[in-house]
């Protein structure tokens, strides 16, 4: 790579087929951003494939103990997953009795629809913390508090054990509209 005036000259290939490309600093950053985005998509696709097929794959994997994974690594994985869905973690506190996650929406989508997407993080927070009570608070892009959802570990344990379906959590969680401070009733059963 050579820098000449405002251009960055990059070469690639092997002799005798070496090629050259000239990019501005902005173009190089754009290319790097596109490559990173493609890598993140492929990483997400691999993760989804793994999750979708874990029942078949696990027999070919060496036995591991989840306790061997550092909690910082697990949290980074969790935070990265939230970021790929357009959420930023503003605050995270946990202890054996309570875990609370406050997320901020980074998208320009309708906050009154996105807030229910954020409520889906309850079970993931419980998986990470195993706290007795789990709370997720959703803030809009301008940081306006919008929704608070909570559940207890008993409900999450039933989902984990297969006694409840993950969608059952929508009817068992407590929801409070933080703009009006009014409790939102569970969805009616079909």
Protein backbone atom coordinates (compact mmCIF):
# COMPACT_ATOMS: atom_id res chain seq x y z
CA UNK A 1 0.00 0.00 0.00
CA UNK A 2 1.28 3.43 -0.97
CA UNK A 3 -0.18 6.86 -0.18
CA UNK A 4 0.05 9.37 -3.02
CA UNK A 5 -1.55 12.79 -2.47
CA UNK A 6 -5.15 12.03 -1.40
CA UNK A 7 -5.17 8.51 -2.81
CA UNK A 8 -4.28 5.21 -1.24
CA UNK A 9 -2.86 2.81 -3.78
CA UNK A 10 -3.41 -0.84 -2.95
CA UNK A 11 -2.09 -3.76 -4.93
CA UNK A 12 -3.22 -7.36 -4.85
CA UNK A 13 -2.59 -10.62 -6.64
CA UNK A 14 0.57 -12.55 -7.39
CA UNK A 15 3.17 -11.87 -10.06
CA UNK A 16 2.74 -11.55 -12.94
CA UNK A 17 -0.95 -10.76 -12.31
CA UNK A 18 -0.58 -7.93 -9.80
CA UNK A 19 -3.42 -5.45 -9.96
CA UNK A 20 -3.71 -1.99 -8.50
CA UNK A 21 -6.62 -0.01 -7.11
CA UNK A 22 -6.72 3.67 -6.08
CA UNK A 23 -9.03 4.73 -3.29
CA UNK A 24 -9.62 7.87 -1.29
CA UNK A 25 -9.53 7.58 2.49
CA UNK A 26 -13.35 7.71 2.54
CA UNK A 27 -13.63 4.99 -0.11
CA UNK A 28 -11.21 2.74 1.79
CA UNK A 29 -13.23 3.17 5.00
CA UNK A 30 -16.41 2.40 3.04
CA UNK A 31 -14.86 -0.79 1.63
CA UNK A 32 -13.65 -1.81 5.10
CA UNK A 33 -17.13 -1.15 6.52
CA UNK A 34 -18.75 -3.25 3.78
CA UNK A 35 -16.34 -6.11 4.41
CA UNK A 36 -17.07 -5.94 8.14
CA UNK A 37 -20.82 -5.95 7.48
CA UNK A 38 -20.52 -8.99 5.19
CA UNK A 39 -18.40 -10.77 7.83
CA UNK A 40 -21.01 -10.01 10.51
CA UNK A 41 -23.78 -11.38 8.26
CA UNK A 42 -21.84 -14.57 7.64
CA UNK A 43 -21.07 -14.90 11.36
CA UNK A 44 -24.75 -14.42 12.20
CA UNK A 45 -25.77 -16.97 9.54
CA UNK A 46 -23.28 -19.48 10.98
CA UNK A 47 -24.63 -18.87 14.48
CA UNK A 48 -28.24 -19.30 13.36
CA UNK A 49 -27.35 -22.48 11.47
CA UNK A 50 -25.61 -23.81 14.58
CA UNK A 51 -28.59 -23.00 16.82
CA UNK A 52 -31.09 -24.43 14.33
CA UNK A 53 -29.11 -27.66 14.05
CA UNK A 54 -27.64 -28.04 17.55
CA UNK A 55 -29.59 -31.23 18.21
CA UNK A 56 -27.75 -32.88 15.31
CA UNK A 57 -24.37 -31.17 15.76
CA UNK A 58 -23.87 -31.62 19.52
CA UNK A 59 -23.01 -35.31 19.15
CA UNK A 60 -19.94 -34.38 17.10
CA UNK A 61 -18.67 -31.71 19.52
CA UNK A 62 -16.34 -32.39 22.44
CA UNK A 63 -18.09 -32.12 25.81
CA UNK A 64 -17.69 -28.65 27.30
CA UNK A 65 -18.65 -27.04 30.53
CA UNK A 66 -20.34 -23.64 30.21
CA UNK A 67 -18.44 -22.65 33.36
CA UNK A 68 -15.21 -22.85 31.34
CA UNK A 69 -16.33 -19.79 29.36
CA UNK A 70 -15.49 -16.50 31.01
CA UNK A 71 -18.54 -14.42 31.91
CA UNK A 72 -17.04 -11.46 30.05
CA UNK A 73 -16.97 -13.52 26.85
CA UNK A 74 -20.59 -14.59 27.35
CA UNK A 75 -21.62 -10.98 27.96
CA UNK A 76 -19.75 -9.79 24.86
CA UNK A 77 -21.57 -12.43 22.82
CA UNK A 78 -24.90 -11.30 24.31
CA UNK A 79 -24.16 -7.59 23.74
CA UNK A 80 -23.08 -8.28 20.15
CA UNK A 81 -26.36 -10.06 19.52
CA UNK A 82 -28.30 -7.05 20.78
CA UNK A 83 -26.22 -4.71 18.64
CA UNK A 84 -26.94 -6.72 15.49
CA UNK A 85 -30.64 -6.13 16.19
CA UNK A 86 -30.18 -2.37 16.55
CA UNK A 87 -30.01 -2.00 20.34
CA UNK A 88 -27.36 -0.45 22.57
CA UNK A 89 -26.89 -1.48 26.18
CA UNK A 90 -27.16 1.58 28.39
CA UNK A 91 -26.96 -0.23 31.70
CA UNK A 92 -26.66 -3.78 32.98
CA UNK A 93 -26.77 -4.81 36.63
CA UNK A 94 -27.06 -8.28 38.05
CA UNK A 95 -27.03 -10.15 41.31
CA UNK A 96 -28.66 -13.44 42.38
CA UNK A 97 -31.97 -11.70 43.13
CA UNK A 98 -32.31 -9.37 40.15
CA UNK A 99 -30.88 -8.68 36.72
CA UNK A 100 -31.77 -5.43 34.97
CA UNK A 101 -30.93 -4.54 31.38
CA UNK A 102 -31.63 -1.09 29.95
CA UNK A 103 -31.44 -0.92 26.16
CA UNK A 104 -31.71 1.99 23.77
CA UNK A 105 -33.11 1.62 20.27
CA UNK A 106 -30.69 2.77 17.57
CA UNK A 107 -33.16 2.38 14.71
CA UNK A 108 -35.58 4.85 13.18
CA UNK A 109 -38.44 2.34 13.37
CA UNK A 110 -41.65 2.92 15.33
CA UNK A 111 -40.73 2.69 19.03
CA UNK A 112 -44.17 1.39 20.01
CA UNK A 113 -43.54 -1.67 17.82
CA UNK A 114 -39.82 -2.03 18.62
CA UNK A 115 -40.43 -2.06 22.36
CA UNK A 116 -42.04 -5.48 22.11
CA UNK A 117 -38.98 -6.72 20.23
CA UNK A 118 -36.87 -5.59 23.19
CA UNK A 119 -39.13 -7.54 25.55
CA UNK A 120 -37.86 -10.73 23.92
CA UNK A 121 -34.52 -10.20 25.69
CA UNK A 122 -35.99 -11.26 29.06
CA UNK A 123 -35.27 -14.95 28.59
CA UNK A 124 -31.79 -14.25 27.20
CA UNK A 125 -30.94 -12.13 30.25
CA UNK A 126 -32.16 -14.93 32.51
CA UNK A 127 -30.05 -17.49 30.60
CA UNK A 128 -27.01 -15.31 31.18
CA UNK A 129 -27.68 -14.45 34.84
CA UNK A 130 -30.06 -17.06 36.31
CA UNK A 131 -31.33 -14.26 38.60
CA UNK A 132 -34.62 -14.70 40.49
CA UNK A 133 -36.15 -11.67 38.75
CA UNK A 134 -35.31 -10.29 35.33
CA UNK A 135 -36.12 -6.79 34.08
CA UNK A 136 -35.63 -5.24 30.65
CA UNK A 137 -36.24 -1.54 30.16
CA UNK A 138 -36.57 -0.21 26.62
CA UNK A 139 -35.62 3.37 25.71
CA UNK A 140 -36.43 5.03 22.40
CA UNK A 141 -33.71 6.43 20.13
CA UNK A 142 -33.96 9.83 21.90
CA UNK A 143 -33.52 7.97 25.22
CA UNK A 144 -37.17 8.35 26.28
CA UNK A 145 -38.10 5.44 28.60
CA UNK A 146 -40.88 3.52 26.82
CA UNK A 147 -41.43 0.04 28.28
CA UNK A 148 -40.45 -2.05 31.29
CA UNK A 149 -40.93 -5.82 31.16
CA UNK A 150 -40.18 -8.32 33.88
CA UNK A 151 -40.52 -11.96 34.76
CA UNK A 152 -39.32 -14.42 37.37
CA UNK A 153 -36.86 -17.29 37.16
CA UNK A 154 -39.62 -19.87 37.73
CA UNK A 155 -41.20 -18.94 34.39
CA UNK A 156 -37.83 -18.96 32.63
CA UNK A 157 -36.91 -22.32 34.18
CA UNK A 158 -40.15 -23.81 32.79
CA UNK A 159 -39.28 -22.50 29.32
CA UNK A 160 -35.74 -23.85 29.65
CA UNK A 161 -37.07 -27.28 30.72
CA UNK A 162 -39.55 -27.34 27.82
CA UNK A 163 -42.62 -27.19 30.08
CA UNK A 164 -43.56 -23.85 28.50
CA UNK A 165 -43.02 -22.56 25.00
CA UNK A 166 -40.88 -19.42 24.56
CA UNK A 167 -43.94 -17.60 23.18
CA UNK A 168 -45.77 -18.27 26.46
CA UNK A 169 -43.51 -15.67 28.06
CA UNK A 170 -45.46 -12.95 26.22
CA UNK A 171 -48.51 -13.77 28.35
CA UNK A 172 -46.62 -14.33 31.60
CA UNK A 173 -44.36 -11.29 31.70
CA UNK A 174 -45.36 -8.07 33.41
CA UNK A 175 -45.32 -5.01 31.13
CA UNK A 176 -45.52 -1.35 32.08
CA UNK A 177 -45.81 1.48 29.58
CA UNK A 178 -43.28 3.95 31.00
CA UNK A 179 -44.80 6.91 29.13
CA UNK A 180 -48.15 6.51 30.88
CA UNK A 181 -47.04 4.36 33.84
CA UNK A 182 -49.91 1.97 33.02
CA UNK A 183 -49.65 -1.81 33.12
CA UNK A 184 -50.18 -3.49 29.74
CA UNK A 185 -52.40 -6.58 29.94
CA UNK A 186 -51.25 -9.88 28.38
CA UNK A 187 -52.22 -10.62 24.81
CA UNK A 188 -55.54 -12.42 24.43
CA UNK A 189 -55.27 -16.17 23.74
CA UNK A 190 -56.27 -17.30 20.24
